[in-house]
Amino acid sequence: MKIPTFKTQSELFDWLRQNKSMLIMEKKSVIKFADAVDCHRFSYDESKDVISKADVNPDAINMAAFPVTVVINTTNLLDSHGDVHVQGLWGKSLKEQKNLYLLQEHQMSFDHIISDQVKATARTMTWAELGYKYEGSTQALVFNARVEKDRNAYMAEQYAKDRVKNHSVGMRYVNISLALNSESKFDKEEKAVWDKYYPTIANKETADESGYFFAVTEAKIVEGSAVPLGSNFATPTISVGKSQPEAEPEKSTPSSPLFWLPQNK
C-alpha cells in the first residue's frame, strides 16, 4: 500500500492510524527485499560514514573457493522501508532455519546462488566496527559463507575485488508495531511504541523527519543477498578469503512487542 503525501503531519498520522491494520497485514503477506519503491522517505547523513574496507586476502582472486563474512542486516537503524529492526528479532528463526542461501540480488534461482554453505549468527557489534560514526551498538545478522567460483563466477570475482558493499535480508515479518511521535489522545498506543524504541535508533534524524516507523520485533529469515544498494545501508562485507573465528550464538530471546497483533497463517 502506497503511503500518500499529506500537507500536514496530523493528516499523515490520521491516515496511518486508520490504515494501521492493513499496512501491517500487507507487510506480513510479502517477503521484504532490498529495493524500496514508494516506501518511507529516507535520508542518509554521509558524515556518519567513515573509511572502512573489508579485510580481503589478495590471493582470493586466484582461489577456486574462499570464505566470506558479510553483514546481512543490522538492528537499531531506520531503513528505507520505514522499519526499525529490534534486537532479538532473529532469535527464533536462527534456531529453526538451518538451510540458508547467500544469493545474488534476491534471485532464488540456480544461476544466482552464491553459496549454499552458510552459517548465520546474530552478533553484537559497535557501529564503528561497521564503518559508521553512530554511537552505541547493533545486533548484526552475520553470514559466514563459502564462495565457489564454479557456482557463481561473477559474484566470486566481485567479492574477491572488494566490490560488494551492501547486503540485504529476504525476510517475512512476524511481529510489527506502528510507532508515532504523536501527542494525540488517539495515538497513545503508537506513542508508547515510539517512546520504547526511538532511543535505540542510530539515525534519529530520519525518524525525526518522518515522525513514524514500524518496529519489527520478530521476523523469519528467508535468505541473504548481495545487492548494489540495500534498504539498510549498514550491511558491509567484513572479510574475503580469510577464515573468521566462529562467533558463539548470542543467548537472547526475541523482543516481545508491546502489543500482540494477529498473525497471518
Protein backbone atom coordinates (compact mmCIF):
# COMPACT_ATOMS: atom_id res chain seq x y z
CA MET A 1 0.00 0.00 0.00
CA LYS A 2 1.46 3.33 -1.04
CA ILE A 3 1.53 5.94 1.73
CA PRO A 4 0.09 9.15 0.26
CA THR A 5 1.66 12.59 0.61
CA PHE A 6 -0.16 14.89 3.01
CA LYS A 7 0.07 18.61 3.68
CA THR A 8 0.37 18.17 7.43
CA GLN A 9 1.82 15.56 9.76
CA SER A 10 -1.54 15.41 11.54
CA GLU A 11 -3.22 14.25 8.33
CA LEU A 12 -0.49 11.68 7.80
CA PHE A 13 -0.88 10.29 11.32
CA ASP A 14 -4.67 10.11 10.92
CA TRP A 15 -4.21 8.08 7.74
CA LEU A 16 -1.60 5.79 9.31
CA ARG A 17 -3.83 5.15 12.34
CA GLN A 18 -6.85 4.40 10.20
CA ASN A 19 -4.89 2.07 7.92
CA LYS A 20 -2.55 0.50 10.51
CA SER A 21 -4.09 -2.97 10.36
CA MET A 22 -4.00 -3.02 6.58
CA LEU A 23 -0.39 -1.78 6.43
CA ILE A 24 0.78 -4.40 8.91
CA MET A 25 -1.16 -7.15 7.17
CA GLU A 26 0.39 -6.15 3.84
CA LYS A 27 3.91 -6.18 5.32
CA LYS A 28 3.33 -9.65 6.74
CA SER A 29 1.94 -11.02 3.49
CA VAL A 30 5.07 -10.41 1.39
CA ILE A 31 8.78 -11.14 1.56
CA LYS A 32 10.77 -7.98 2.25
CA PHE A 33 13.63 -7.36 -0.15
CA ALA A 34 16.23 -4.62 -0.55
CA ASP A 35 14.68 -2.22 -3.02
CA ALA A 36 12.23 0.28 -1.62
CA VAL A 37 9.68 1.64 -4.09
CA ASP A 38 7.16 4.20 -2.85
CA CYS A 39 8.31 3.49 0.69
CA HIS A 40 9.33 5.56 3.66
CA ARG A 41 11.15 8.81 2.95
CA PHE A 42 14.77 8.15 3.75
CA SER A 43 17.70 10.43 4.44
CA TYR A 44 21.30 9.37 4.88
CA ASP A 45 23.87 11.51 6.64
CA GLU A 46 27.16 10.78 4.86
CA SER A 47 29.06 12.49 7.66
CA LYS A 48 28.33 9.39 9.72
CA ASP A 49 30.30 7.27 7.25
CA VAL A 50 33.99 6.62 7.74
CA ILE A 51 36.53 4.83 5.57
CA SER A 52 36.08 1.13 6.20
CA LYS A 53 37.17 -1.64 3.85
CA ALA A 54 36.72 -5.35 4.01
CA ASP A 55 39.68 -7.44 5.14
CA VAL A 56 40.47 -9.03 1.78
CA ASN A 57 43.04 -11.70 1.06
CA PRO A 58 44.65 -10.57 -2.23
CA ASP A 59 45.02 -14.22 -3.24
CA ALA A 60 41.24 -14.71 -3.17
CA ILE A 61 41.03 -13.74 -6.85
CA ASN A 62 43.01 -16.88 -7.71
CA MET A 63 41.25 -19.23 -5.32
CA ALA A 64 38.71 -21.77 -6.56
CA ALA A 65 36.81 -21.28 -3.29
CA PHE A 66 37.17 -18.94 -0.33
CA PRO A 67 35.25 -17.86 2.79
CA VAL A 68 33.40 -14.57 3.14
CA THR A 69 31.96 -12.94 6.24
CA VAL A 70 29.20 -10.47 5.48
CA VAL A 71 26.59 -8.45 7.36
CA ILE A 72 23.13 -9.19 6.04
CA ASN A 73 21.15 -6.92 8.37
CA THR A 74 21.57 -4.65 11.40
CA THR A 75 19.20 -3.63 14.17
CA ASN A 76 18.59 -0.14 15.63
CA LEU A 77 18.57 1.55 12.22
CA LEU A 78 15.58 3.11 10.45
CA ASP A 79 15.70 1.71 6.91
CA SER A 80 14.10 2.87 3.68
CA HIS A 81 11.05 0.65 4.23
CA GLY A 82 10.26 2.64 7.37
CA ASP A 83 11.29 -0.27 9.59
CA VAL A 84 13.42 -0.44 12.71
CA HIS A 85 14.60 -4.00 13.38
CA VAL A 86 14.73 -4.60 17.12
CA GLN A 87 17.48 -6.59 18.80
CA GLY A 88 16.50 -10.24 19.17
CA LEU A 89 14.14 -10.33 16.18
CA TRP A 90 16.09 -13.23 14.57
CA GLY A 91 16.35 -15.41 17.69
CA LYS A 92 13.59 -17.89 16.90
CA SER A 93 14.33 -18.01 13.18
CA LEU A 94 18.05 -18.70 13.67
CA LYS A 95 17.18 -21.72 15.79
CA GLU A 96 14.69 -23.06 13.25
CA GLN A 97 16.15 -22.13 9.85
CA LYS A 98 19.28 -24.16 9.09
CA ASN A 99 19.33 -24.21 5.28
CA LEU A 100 20.12 -20.68 4.16
CA TYR A 101 21.41 -19.26 0.89
CA LEU A 102 23.62 -16.32 0.05
CA LEU A 103 22.08 -15.06 -3.19
CA GLN A 104 22.76 -12.51 -5.88
CA GLU A 105 20.11 -9.77 -5.69
CA HIS A 106 17.38 -11.90 -4.09
CA GLN A 107 17.04 -14.17 -7.11
CA MET A 108 16.23 -17.67 -5.87
CA SER A 109 17.48 -19.45 -8.98
CA PHE A 110 20.41 -21.78 -9.59
CA ASP A 111 22.43 -19.22 -11.56
CA HIS A 112 22.06 -16.60 -8.79
CA ILE A 113 23.13 -18.75 -5.85
CA ILE A 114 26.47 -17.53 -4.45
CA SER A 115 26.65 -20.10 -1.66
CA ASP A 116 24.53 -22.76 -0.01
CA GLN A 117 27.20 -23.32 2.65
CA VAL A 118 26.11 -20.66 5.10
CA LYS A 119 26.37 -20.30 8.86
CA ALA A 120 24.19 -17.48 10.22
CA THR A 121 24.63 -15.85 13.62
CA ALA A 122 23.45 -12.74 15.43
CA ARG A 123 26.45 -10.77 16.65
CA THR A 124 26.59 -7.60 18.73
CA MET A 125 28.92 -5.08 17.07
CA THR A 126 29.67 -1.40 17.51
CA TRP A 127 28.71 0.95 14.70
CA ALA A 128 32.39 1.87 14.44
CA GLU A 129 33.23 -1.75 13.59
CA LEU A 130 30.85 -1.45 10.65
CA GLY A 131 32.34 1.84 9.48
CA TYR A 132 29.86 4.36 10.92
CA LYS A 133 30.23 7.13 13.48
CA TYR A 134 26.98 6.40 15.26
CA GLU A 135 27.22 5.86 19.00
CA GLY A 136 26.40 2.54 20.59
CA SER A 137 26.00 -0.89 19.07
CA THR A 138 23.81 -3.01 16.86
CA GLN A 139 22.95 -6.68 16.59
CA ALA A 140 24.21 -7.75 13.18
CA LEU A 141 22.89 -10.74 11.27
CA VAL A 142 26.16 -12.20 10.00
CA PHE A 143 26.64 -14.84 7.30
CA ASN A 144 29.83 -16.88 7.15
CA ALA A 145 29.72 -18.48 3.71
CA ARG A 146 31.94 -20.44 1.35
CA VAL A 147 32.06 -18.93 -2.13
CA GLU A 148 32.94 -21.24 -5.02
CA LYS A 149 33.89 -19.86 -8.43
CA ASP A 150 32.24 -22.66 -10.35
CA ARG A 151 28.94 -21.85 -8.60
CA ASN A 152 28.75 -18.13 -9.42
CA ALA A 153 31.97 -16.92 -11.04
CA TYR A 154 30.75 -13.34 -11.47
CA MET A 155 29.91 -12.79 -7.78
CA ALA A 156 33.05 -14.62 -6.66
CA GLU A 157 35.03 -12.04 -8.63
CA GLN A 158 33.02 -9.16 -7.17
CA TYR A 159 33.79 -10.34 -3.63
CA ALA A 160 37.47 -11.02 -4.42
CA LYS A 161 37.83 -7.48 -5.81
CA ASP A 162 36.06 -5.95 -2.76
CA ARG A 163 33.16 -4.63 -4.82
CA VAL A 164 30.29 -5.89 -2.66
CA LYS A 165 29.47 -3.08 -0.25
CA ASN A 166 25.86 -3.87 0.67
CA HIS A 167 23.70 -6.84 1.58
CA SER A 168 20.03 -7.38 2.28
CA VAL A 169 17.89 -9.90 4.09
CA GLY A 170 14.95 -11.60 2.39
CA MET A 171 12.53 -11.95 5.31
CA ARG A 172 8.96 -12.40 6.43
CA TYR A 173 7.57 -10.16 9.15
CA VAL A 174 6.10 -11.92 12.19
CA ASN A 175 5.50 -9.21 14.82
CA ILE A 176 5.33 -5.49 13.98
CA SER A 177 4.05 -2.39 15.77
CA LEU A 178 3.43 1.11 14.41
CA ALA A 179 5.27 3.93 16.20
CA LEU A 180 4.05 7.53 16.02
CA ASN A 181 5.64 10.61 17.56
CA SER A 182 2.23 11.98 18.41
CA GLU A 183 0.65 13.61 21.45
CA SER A 184 -2.90 12.94 20.25
CA LYS A 185 -5.15 11.08 22.64
CA PHE A 186 -5.95 8.75 19.74
CA ASP A 187 -2.31 7.69 19.38
CA LYS A 188 -1.40 6.61 22.91
CA GLU A 189 -0.66 3.05 21.81
CA GLU A 190 1.53 4.15 18.90
CA LYS A 191 3.30 6.80 21.03
CA ALA A 192 4.20 4.13 23.59
CA VAL A 193 5.92 2.14 20.81
CA TRP A 194 7.78 5.29 19.71
CA ASP A 195 8.96 6.04 23.25
CA LYS A 196 10.16 2.47 23.75
CA TYR A 197 12.25 2.10 20.57
CA TYR A 198 13.18 5.64 19.48
CA PRO A 199 16.09 5.89 21.99
CA THR A 200 17.74 2.85 20.35
CA ILE A 201 17.71 4.26 16.79
CA ALA A 202 21.12 5.27 15.45
CA ASN A 203 19.87 7.54 12.65
CA LYS A 204 17.39 9.52 14.74
CA GLU A 205 17.39 12.39 12.23
CA THR A 206 15.48 10.17 9.80
CA ALA A 207 12.93 9.22 12.45
CA ASP A 208 12.54 12.87 13.48
CA GLU A 209 11.92 13.91 9.90
CA SER A 210 9.14 11.39 9.29
CA GLY A 211 7.67 11.10 12.77
CA TYR A 212 6.85 7.43 12.44
CA PHE A 213 8.30 3.96 11.88
CA PHE A 214 7.41 0.29 12.18
CA ALA A 215 9.15 -1.61 14.99
CA VAL A 216 9.86 -5.18 13.85
CA THR A 217 10.29 -7.37 16.92
CA GLU A 218 10.24 -10.77 15.23
CA ALA A 219 11.00 -11.87 11.67
CA LYS A 220 11.77 -15.05 9.75
CA ILE A 221 14.91 -15.24 7.62
CA VAL A 222 14.32 -16.49 4.07
CA GLU A 223 17.74 -15.72 2.57
CA GLY A 224 20.54 -13.16 2.47
CA SER A 225 21.68 -11.37 -0.68
CA ALA A 226 24.49 -9.30 -2.12
CA VAL A 227 22.91 -6.12 -3.55
CA PRO A 228 24.19 -2.85 -5.05
CA LEU A 229 22.20 -0.82 -2.52
CA GLY A 230 20.30 -2.21 0.45
CA SER A 231 17.31 -0.71 2.23
CA ASN A 232 19.59 -0.99 5.28
CA PHE A 233 22.87 0.68 4.32
CA ALA A 234 24.94 -0.65 7.25
CA THR A 235 25.46 -4.10 5.74
CA PRO A 236 29.08 -4.35 4.57
CA THR A 237 31.41 -7.18 3.69
CA ILE A 238 33.68 -7.85 6.69
CA SER A 239 36.24 -10.22 5.20
CA VAL A 240 37.03 -12.11 2.00
CA GLY A 241 39.34 -15.10 1.70
CA LYS A 242 40.15 -15.12 5.40
CA SER A 243 38.69 -17.51 7.93
CA GLN A 244 37.00 -15.74 10.80
CA PRO A 245 36.54 -17.16 14.29
CA GLU A 246 33.05 -18.58 14.54
CA ALA A 247 31.00 -16.47 16.93
CA GLU A 248 29.01 -18.14 19.65
CA PRO A 249 25.26 -17.72 19.19
CA GLU A 250 24.04 -14.94 21.42
CA LYS A 251 21.81 -16.14 24.23
CA SER A 252 18.91 -13.81 23.69
CA THR A 253 15.25 -14.30 23.04
CA PRO A 254 13.18 -12.30 20.56
CA SER A 255 11.97 -9.00 21.96
CA SER A 256 8.31 -9.05 22.87
CA PRO A 257 6.17 -6.49 21.05
CA LEU A 258 4.27 -4.04 23.19
CA PHE A 259 1.01 -5.10 21.63
CA TRP A 260 0.22 -8.52 20.23
CA LEU A 261 -1.09 -8.44 16.70
CA PRO A 262 -2.98 -11.12 14.79
CA GLN A 263 -0.64 -13.16 12.59
CA ASN A 264 -1.27 -14.49 9.13
CA LYS A 265 -1.48 -18.26 8.84
